[in-house]
Amino acid sequence: MRLKPLPVLLAVAALVAGAATGLAQDRTGINIDPVAIGTPGAVTAFVLAQDLYRIGLAGKDALMVLTAARLAASADMTEGKAGVPEIKKQTTGKATSDDAGAADTPLDAAAMMAQAKELAGEDETILALIDLAEVEGVQGGPGGAIRRLSHLPAGMTDVWEVPFAGHSLAEVAVVGDGDANLDVRITDENGNPICIDVSGSDRVICDFVPAWNGYFQISVHNTGDRRNSYHLITN
């Protein structure tokens, strides 16, 4: 599910109030630029690739799965850890289940390519396209992204603290394994809500432009009855 920033109207009101009181440059308001936009990058590309892959797999469409693989390959993705100095994660709550779930994780381009070959069967045209895509590899990714894996038990909450640069598009995605619903809430350093998802999905993407350099809290709550092994993906 793609979310747009919640407090756009609130941000406009805050900016107007700030201008009226001479605090337009103060950091006590909402850390979001309500009018700035940016070009979607690797986070969006990777999540869209996962969604496209699922659709292609359900329809046994080799060409669509190949397209998903090429899109995934275009996303410059690296593995990160929660313990690096600029990223913090705290897990709170009490587990309501010890079910470990299936621990399915997002697929990379190579796995998607392999599935495309299987679906293609003896279709020489599609097999040739797959071979070409494998030779080409990554053809210039749309920016870079970092993904961090977390195994979140049922009933518990991860709270990540992530820095984003001001005046640049920030992309955040939560991609779960499908075992349990994940509710996601993103707030700025002042506790103002940026994005909130309380749907029945465990796949959320949100992008916004901070007004200044700052830390944002990304809260991921497992509302299901099984563990969800999800990836937090940020640019």
C-alpha atoms as a PDB file:
ATOM      1  CA  MET A   1       0.000   0.000   0.000  1.00  0.00           C
ATOM      2  CA  ARG A   2       1.401   3.410  -0.960  1.00  0.00           C
ATOM      3  CA  LEU A   3       0.795   6.157   1.566  1.00  0.00           C
ATOM      4  CA  LYS A   4       1.202   9.877   1.100  1.00  0.00           C
ATOM      5  CA  PRO A   5       2.191  12.089   4.047  1.00  0.00           C
ATOM      6  CA  LEU A   6      -0.704  12.654   6.432  1.00  0.00           C
ATOM      7  CA  PRO A   7      -0.125  16.145   7.726  1.00  0.00           C
ATOM      8  CA  VAL A   8       0.007  18.176   4.535  1.00  0.00           C
ATOM      9  CA  LEU A   9      -2.806  20.495   5.630  1.00  0.00           C
ATOM     10  CA  LEU A  10      -1.381  20.618   9.137  1.00  0.00           C
ATOM     11  CA  ALA A  11       2.024  21.451   7.716  1.00  0.00           C
ATOM     12  CA  VAL A  12       0.591  24.321   5.678  1.00  0.00           C
ATOM     13  CA  ALA A  13      -1.132  25.657   8.784  1.00  0.00           C
ATOM     14  CA  ALA A  14       2.088  25.315  10.762  1.00  0.00           C
ATOM     15  CA  LEU A  15       4.064  27.179   8.124  1.00  0.00           C
ATOM     16  CA  VAL A  16       1.522  29.995   8.045  1.00  0.00           C
ATOM     17  CA  ALA A  17       1.531  30.225  11.846  1.00  0.00           C
ATOM     18  CA  GLY A  18       5.317  30.095  11.911  1.00  0.00           C
ATOM     19  CA  ALA A  19       5.590  32.916   9.406  1.00  0.00           C
ATOM     20  CA  ALA A  20       3.190  35.002  11.432  1.00  0.00           C
ATOM     21  CA  THR A  21       5.264  34.586  14.600  1.00  0.00           C
ATOM     22  CA  GLY A  22       8.663  34.788  12.982  1.00  0.00           C
ATOM     23  CA  LEU A  23       9.395  31.089  13.565  1.00  0.00           C
ATOM     24  CA  ALA A  24       9.407  29.911   9.950  1.00  0.00           C
ATOM     25  CA  GLN A  25      12.961  28.585  10.377  1.00  0.00           C
ATOM     26  CA  ASP A  26      12.285  27.013  13.781  1.00  0.00           C
ATOM     27  CA  ARG A  27      12.306  23.225  14.159  1.00  0.00           C
ATOM     28  CA  THR A  28       9.345  22.977  16.505  1.00  0.00           C
ATOM     29  CA  GLY A  29       6.792  22.417  13.735  1.00  0.00           C
ATOM     30  CA  ILE A  30       6.175  19.488  11.403  1.00  0.00           C
ATOM     31  CA  ASN A  31       9.314  18.367   9.597  1.00  0.00           C
ATOM     32  CA  ILE A  32       7.813  18.118   6.162  1.00  0.00           C
ATOM     33  CA  ASP A  33       7.784  20.337   3.108  1.00  0.00           C
ATOM     34  CA  PRO A  34       4.125  20.265   1.951  1.00  0.00           C
ATOM     35  CA  VAL A  35       4.851  21.401  -1.595  1.00  0.00           C
ATOM     36  CA  ALA A  36       8.178  19.752  -2.462  1.00  0.00           C
ATOM     37  CA  ILE A  37       8.244  16.642  -4.623  1.00  0.00           C
ATOM     38  CA  GLY A  38      10.949  14.201  -5.640  1.00  0.00           C
ATOM     39  CA  THR A  39      11.646  11.429  -8.113  1.00  0.00           C
ATOM     40  CA  PRO A  40      10.907   7.929  -6.751  1.00  0.00           C
ATOM     41  CA  GLY A  41      14.071   5.870  -6.359  1.00  0.00           C
ATOM     42  CA  ALA A  42      15.294   2.391  -5.476  1.00  0.00           C
ATOM     43  CA  VAL A  43      12.886   1.869  -2.560  1.00  0.00           C
ATOM     44  CA  THR A  44       9.851   2.387  -4.770  1.00  0.00           C
ATOM     45  CA  ALA A  45      11.364   0.314  -7.585  1.00  0.00           C
ATOM     46  CA  PHE A  46      12.083  -2.625  -5.289  1.00  0.00           C
ATOM     47  CA  VAL A  47       8.621  -2.647  -3.707  1.00  0.00           C
ATOM     48  CA  LEU A  48       6.888  -2.328  -7.077  1.00  0.00           C
ATOM     49  CA  ALA A  49       9.007  -5.226  -8.343  1.00  0.00           C
ATOM     50  CA  GLN A  50       7.755  -7.394  -5.460  1.00  0.00           C
ATOM     51  CA  ASP A  51       4.129  -6.481  -6.204  1.00  0.00           C
ATOM     52  CA  LEU A  52       4.542  -7.059  -9.933  1.00  0.00           C
ATOM     53  CA  TYR A  53       6.192 -10.413  -9.270  1.00  0.00           C
ATOM     54  CA  ARG A  54       3.268 -11.578  -7.137  1.00  0.00           C
ATOM     55  CA  ILE A  55       0.797 -10.605  -9.845  1.00  0.00           C
ATOM     56  CA  GLY A  56       2.848 -12.316 -12.539  1.00  0.00           C
ATOM     57  CA  LEU A  57       3.272 -15.460 -10.474  1.00  0.00           C
ATOM     58  CA  ALA A  58      -0.455 -15.660  -9.728  1.00  0.00           C
ATOM     59  CA  GLY A  59      -1.220 -15.327 -13.438  1.00  0.00           C
ATOM     60  CA  LYS A  60       1.644 -17.629 -14.492  1.00  0.00           C
ATOM     61  CA  ASP A  61       2.842 -14.782 -16.703  1.00  0.00           C
ATOM     62  CA  ALA A  62       6.542 -15.296 -17.469  1.00  0.00           C
ATOM     63  CA  LEU A  63       6.898 -11.929 -19.193  1.00  0.00           C
ATOM     64  CA  MET A  64       5.478 -10.061 -16.214  1.00  0.00           C
ATOM     65  CA  VAL A  65       7.749 -11.945 -13.821  1.00  0.00           C
ATOM     66  CA  LEU A  66      10.697 -11.071 -16.069  1.00  0.00           C
ATOM     67  CA  THR A  67       9.655  -7.410 -15.975  1.00  0.00           C
ATOM     68  CA  ALA A  68       9.558  -7.596 -12.179  1.00  0.00           C
ATOM     69  CA  ALA A  69      13.046  -9.124 -12.172  1.00  0.00           C
ATOM     70  CA  ARG A  70      14.433  -6.345 -14.342  1.00  0.00           C
ATOM     71  CA  LEU A  71      12.837  -3.742 -12.078  1.00  0.00           C
ATOM     72  CA  ALA A  72      14.304  -5.430  -8.985  1.00  0.00           C
ATOM     73  CA  ALA A  73      17.720  -5.529 -10.660  1.00  0.00           C
ATOM     74  CA  SER A  74      17.545  -1.789 -11.299  1.00  0.00           C
ATOM     75  CA  ALA A  75      17.274  -1.057  -7.563  1.00  0.00           C
ATOM     76  CA  ASP A  76      20.708  -0.660  -6.005  1.00  0.00           C
ATOM     77  CA  MET A  77      19.975  -2.530  -2.766  1.00  0.00           C
ATOM     78  CA  THR A  78      22.394  -3.172   0.096  1.00  0.00           C
ATOM     79  CA  GLU A  79      21.912  -5.036   3.363  1.00  0.00           C
ATOM     80  CA  GLY A  80      22.063  -2.966   6.534  1.00  0.00           C
ATOM     81  CA  LYS A  81      22.028  -3.618  10.245  1.00  0.00           C
ATOM     82  CA  ALA A  82      20.052  -2.000  13.033  1.00  0.00           C
ATOM     83  CA  GLY A  83      23.171  -1.495  15.103  1.00  0.00           C
ATOM     84  CA  VAL A  84      25.017   1.013  12.921  1.00  0.00           C
ATOM     85  CA  PRO A  85      25.564   4.344  14.713  1.00  0.00           C
ATOM     86  CA  GLU A  86      22.983   6.408  12.844  1.00  0.00           C
ATOM     87  CA  ILE A  87      20.213   3.786  13.004  1.00  0.00           C
ATOM     88  CA  LYS A  88      18.585   2.639  16.229  1.00  0.00           C
ATOM     89  CA  LYS A  89      15.903   0.013  16.839  1.00  0.00           C
ATOM     90  CA  GLN A  90      14.004  -0.783  20.012  1.00  0.00           C
ATOM     91  CA  THR A  91      11.525  -3.641  20.347  1.00  0.00           C
ATOM     92  CA  THR A  92       8.791  -3.343  22.955  1.00  0.00           C
ATOM     93  CA  GLY A  93       5.710  -5.206  24.100  1.00  0.00           C
ATOM     94  CA  LYS A  94       4.960  -8.778  25.073  1.00  0.00           C
ATOM     95  CA  ALA A  95       4.718 -11.554  22.511  1.00  0.00           C
ATOM     96  CA  THR A  96       1.192 -12.935  22.211  1.00  0.00           C
ATOM     97  CA  SER A  97       2.238 -16.013  20.236  1.00  0.00           C
ATOM     98  CA  ASP A  98       5.327 -18.160  19.757  1.00  0.00           C
ATOM     99  CA  ASP A  99       4.386 -19.063  16.174  1.00  0.00           C
ATOM    100  CA  ALA A 100       7.524 -18.358  14.111  1.00  0.00           C
ATOM    101  CA  GLY A 101       5.663 -18.047  10.796  1.00  0.00           C
ATOM    102  CA  ALA A 102       6.991 -19.066   7.395  1.00  0.00           C
ATOM    103  CA  ALA A 103       9.730 -16.390   7.299  1.00  0.00           C
ATOM    104  CA  ASP A 104       9.305 -15.730   3.590  1.00  0.00           C
ATOM    105  CA  THR A 105      11.465 -12.793   2.498  1.00  0.00           C
ATOM    106  CA  PRO A 106      11.392 -10.444  -0.521  1.00  0.00           C
ATOM    107  CA  LEU A 107      12.858 -12.034  -3.628  1.00  0.00           C
ATOM    108  CA  ASP A 108      15.868 -10.648  -5.443  1.00  0.00           C
ATOM    109  CA  ALA A 109      16.247 -10.331  -9.214  1.00  0.00           C
ATOM    110  CA  ALA A 110      18.043 -13.687  -9.595  1.00  0.00           C
ATOM    111  CA  ALA A 111      15.223 -15.605  -7.913  1.00  0.00           C
ATOM    112  CA  MET A 112      12.680 -13.823 -10.072  1.00  0.00           C
ATOM    113  CA  MET A 113      14.656 -14.628 -13.222  1.00  0.00           C
ATOM    114  CA  ALA A 114      14.707 -18.311 -12.261  1.00  0.00           C
ATOM    115  CA  GLN A 115      10.935 -18.286 -11.788  1.00  0.00           C
ATOM    116  CA  ALA A 116      10.460 -16.543 -15.132  1.00  0.00           C
ATOM    117  CA  LYS A 117      12.427 -19.330 -16.833  1.00  0.00           C
ATOM    118  CA  GLU A 118      10.260 -21.946 -15.197  1.00  0.00           C
ATOM    119  CA  LEU A 119       7.077 -20.207 -16.320  1.00  0.00           C
ATOM    120  CA  ALA A 120       8.418 -19.653 -19.832  1.00  0.00           C
ATOM    121  CA  GLY A 121       8.689 -23.375 -20.454  1.00  0.00           C
ATOM    122  CA  GLU A 122       9.750 -23.835 -24.072  1.00  0.00           C
ATOM    123  CA  ASP A 123       8.846 -20.350 -25.250  1.00  0.00           C
ATOM    124  CA  GLU A 124      12.058 -19.483 -27.056  1.00  0.00           C
ATOM    125  CA  THR A 125      11.238 -15.790 -27.390  1.00  0.00           C
ATOM    126  CA  ILE A 126      10.773 -15.236 -23.674  1.00  0.00           C
ATOM    127  CA  LEU A 127      13.767 -17.466 -22.845  1.00  0.00           C
ATOM    128  CA  ALA A 128      15.896 -15.306 -25.126  1.00  0.00           C
ATOM    129  CA  LEU A 129      14.663 -12.166 -23.361  1.00  0.00           C
ATOM    130  CA  ILE A 130      15.527 -13.718 -19.994  1.00  0.00           C
ATOM    131  CA  ASP A 131      19.016 -14.631 -21.204  1.00  0.00           C
ATOM    132  CA  LEU A 132      19.514 -11.069 -22.425  1.00  0.00           C
ATOM    133  CA  ALA A 133      18.343  -9.630 -19.125  1.00  0.00           C
ATOM    134  CA  GLU A 134      20.757 -11.870 -17.201  1.00  0.00           C
ATOM    135  CA  VAL A 135      23.646 -10.727 -19.389  1.00  0.00           C
ATOM    136  CA  GLU A 136      22.719  -7.056 -19.004  1.00  0.00           C
ATOM    137  CA  GLY A 137      22.467  -7.258 -15.227  1.00  0.00           C
ATOM    138  CA  VAL A 138      21.891  -3.978 -13.427  1.00  0.00           C
ATOM    139  CA  GLN A 139      21.504  -1.162 -15.940  1.00  0.00           C
ATOM    140  CA  GLY A 140      21.729   1.911 -13.758  1.00  0.00           C
ATOM    141  CA  GLY A 141      19.615   1.895 -10.645  1.00  0.00           C
ATOM    142  CA  PRO A 142      17.255   4.715  -9.593  1.00  0.00           C
ATOM    143  CA  GLY A 143      19.291   5.771  -6.572  1.00  0.00           C
ATOM    144  CA  GLY A 144      20.250   3.441  -3.748  1.00  0.00           C
ATOM    145  CA  ALA A 145      18.461   1.827  -0.822  1.00  0.00           C
ATOM    146  CA  ILE A 146      19.239  -0.132   2.330  1.00  0.00           C
ATOM    147  CA  ARG A 147      17.102  -2.940   3.685  1.00  0.00           C
ATOM    148  CA  ARG A 148      17.185  -4.247   7.230  1.00  0.00           C
ATOM    149  CA  LEU A 149      15.586  -7.507   8.326  1.00  0.00           C
ATOM    150  CA  SER A 150      13.632  -7.804  11.563  1.00  0.00           C
ATOM    151  CA  HIS A 151      11.844 -10.829  13.019  1.00  0.00           C
ATOM    152  CA  LEU A 152       8.893  -9.294  14.859  1.00  0.00           C
ATOM    153  CA  PRO A 153       6.833 -11.586  17.134  1.00  0.00           C
ATOM    154  CA  ALA A 154       3.059 -11.260  17.315  1.00  0.00           C
ATOM    155  CA  GLY A 155       1.925  -8.446  19.597  1.00  0.00           C
ATOM    156  CA  MET A 156       5.282  -6.652  19.668  1.00  0.00           C
ATOM    157  CA  THR A 157       6.479  -3.357  18.179  1.00  0.00           C
ATOM    158  CA  ASP A 158       9.727  -2.254  16.568  1.00  0.00           C
ATOM    159  CA  VAL A 159      10.574   1.437  16.759  1.00  0.00           C
ATOM    160  CA  TRP A 160      13.312   2.509  14.352  1.00  0.00           C
ATOM    161  CA  GLU A 161      15.044   5.883  14.483  1.00  0.00           C
ATOM    162  CA  VAL A 162      16.258   6.873  11.022  1.00  0.00           C
ATOM    163  CA  PRO A 163      17.813  10.138   9.788  1.00  0.00           C
ATOM    164  CA  PHE A 164      16.704  11.797   6.563  1.00  0.00           C
ATOM    165  CA  ALA A 165      18.156  14.842   4.840  1.00  0.00           C
ATOM    166  CA  GLY A 166      16.150  17.997   4.467  1.00  0.00           C
ATOM    167  CA  HIS A 167      14.884  19.067   1.024  1.00  0.00           C
ATOM    168  CA  SER A 168      15.457  15.550  -0.404  1.00  0.00           C
ATOM    169  CA  LEU A 169      12.874  12.843  -1.031  1.00  0.00           C
ATOM    170  CA  ALA A 170      12.732  10.327   1.813  1.00  0.00           C
ATOM    171  CA  GLU A 171      11.430   6.860   0.945  1.00  0.00           C
ATOM    172  CA  VAL A 172      10.345   4.318   3.546  1.00  0.00           C
ATOM    173  CA  ALA A 173       8.925   0.871   2.875  1.00  0.00           C
ATOM    174  CA  VAL A 174       7.941  -2.035   5.084  1.00  0.00           C
ATOM    175  CA  VAL A 175       7.772  -5.338   3.213  1.00  0.00           C
ATOM    176  CA  GLY A 176       6.495  -8.211   5.324  1.00  0.00           C
ATOM    177  CA  ASP A 177       6.531 -11.938   4.713  1.00  0.00           C
ATOM    178  CA  GLY A 178       2.735 -12.227   4.527  1.00  0.00           C
ATOM    179  CA  ASP A 179       2.355 -14.105   7.824  1.00  0.00           C
ATOM    180  CA  ALA A 180       0.755 -11.305   9.859  1.00  0.00           C
ATOM    181  CA  ASN A 181      -0.595  -7.787   9.543  1.00  0.00           C
ATOM    182  CA  LEU A 182       1.804  -4.931  10.281  1.00  0.00           C
ATOM    183  CA  ASP A 183       0.625  -1.463  11.280  1.00  0.00           C
ATOM    184  CA  VAL A 184       3.096   1.298  10.460  1.00  0.00           C
ATOM    185  CA  ARG A 185       3.396   4.805  11.868  1.00  0.00           C
ATOM    186  CA  ILE A 186       6.049   7.372  10.904  1.00  0.00           C
ATOM    187  CA  THR A 187       6.561  10.479  13.024  1.00  0.00           C
ATOM    188  CA  ASP A 188       9.106  13.293  13.035  1.00  0.00           C
ATOM    189  CA  GLU A 189      11.398  14.278  15.925  1.00  0.00           C
ATOM    190  CA  ASN A 190       8.578  16.322  17.462  1.00  0.00           C
ATOM    191  CA  GLY A 191       6.104  13.440  17.404  1.00  0.00           C
ATOM    192  CA  ASN A 192       4.097  14.788  14.473  1.00  0.00           C
ATOM    193  CA  PRO A 193       2.575  12.061  12.277  1.00  0.00           C
ATOM    194  CA  ILE A 194       3.949  11.796   8.732  1.00  0.00           C
ATOM    195  CA  CYS A 195       2.378   8.521   7.533  1.00  0.00           C
ATOM    196  CA  ILE A 196       0.043   6.062   9.229  1.00  0.00           C
ATOM    197  CA  ASP A 197      -1.121   2.673   7.961  1.00  0.00           C
ATOM    198  CA  VAL A 198      -3.640   0.596   9.909  1.00  0.00           C
ATOM    199  CA  SER A 199      -4.900  -1.478   6.996  1.00  0.00           C
ATOM    200  CA  GLY A 200      -4.781  -5.252   6.820  1.00  0.00           C
ATOM    201  CA  SER A 201      -1.546  -5.221   4.837  1.00  0.00           C
ATOM    202  CA  ASP A 202       2.064  -5.894   5.780  1.00  0.00           C
ATOM    203  CA  ARG A 203       3.417  -3.997   2.765  1.00  0.00           C
ATOM    204  CA  VAL A 204       3.574  -0.208   3.058  1.00  0.00           C
ATOM    205  CA  ILE A 205       5.497   2.497   1.212  1.00  0.00           C
ATOM    206  CA  CYS A 206       5.593   6.183   2.087  1.00  0.00           C
ATOM    207  CA  ASP A 207       7.594   9.064   0.635  1.00  0.00           C
ATOM    208  CA  PHE A 208       7.921  12.660   1.776  1.00  0.00           C
ATOM    209  CA  VAL A 209      10.342  15.594   1.713  1.00  0.00           C
ATOM    210  CA  PRO A 210      11.644  16.769   5.115  1.00  0.00           C
ATOM    211  CA  ALA A 211      11.958  20.500   5.613  1.00  0.00           C
ATOM    212  CA  TRP A 212      15.254  20.057   7.481  1.00  0.00           C
ATOM    213  CA  ASN A 213      17.771  17.347   8.437  1.00  0.00           C
ATOM    214  CA  GLY A 214      16.216  15.275  11.187  1.00  0.00           C
ATOM    215  CA  TYR A 215      15.462  11.913  12.740  1.00  0.00           C
ATOM    216  CA  PHE A 216      12.185  10.118  12.154  1.00  0.00           C
ATOM    217  CA  GLN A 217      10.649   7.291  14.149  1.00  0.00           C
ATOM    218  CA  ILE A 218       9.236   4.371  12.198  1.00  0.00           C
ATOM    219  CA  SER A 219       6.974   2.213  14.338  1.00  0.00           C
ATOM    220  CA  VAL A 220       6.074  -1.271  13.095  1.00  0.00           C
ATOM    221  CA  HIS A 221       3.490  -3.175  15.157  1.00  0.00           C
ATOM    222  CA  ASN A 222       2.584  -6.819  14.576  1.00  0.00           C
ATOM    223  CA  THR A 223      -1.175  -7.083  15.128  1.00  0.00           C
ATOM    224  CA  GLY A 224      -1.388 -10.704  13.969  1.00  0.00           C
ATOM    225  CA  ASP A 225      -0.988 -14.047  15.708  1.00  0.00           C
ATOM    226  CA  ARG A 226       2.267 -15.119  14.011  1.00  0.00           C
ATOM    227  CA  ARG A 227       5.756 -13.704  13.723  1.00  0.00           C
ATOM    228  CA  ASN A 228       6.386 -11.510  10.690  1.00  0.00           C
ATOM    229  CA  SER A 229       9.898 -11.354   9.270  1.00  0.00           C
ATOM    230  CA  TYR A 230       9.808  -8.028   7.474  1.00  0.00           C
ATOM    231  CA  HIS A 231      12.301  -5.749   5.777  1.00  0.00           C
ATOM    232  CA  LEU A 232      12.513  -2.052   6.540  1.00  0.00           C
ATOM    233  CA  ILE A 233      13.771  -0.365   3.354  1.00  0.00           C
ATOM    234  CA  THR A 234      14.972   3.225   3.279  1.00  0.00           C
ATOM    235  CA  ASN A 235      16.932   5.405   0.902  1.00  0.00           C
END
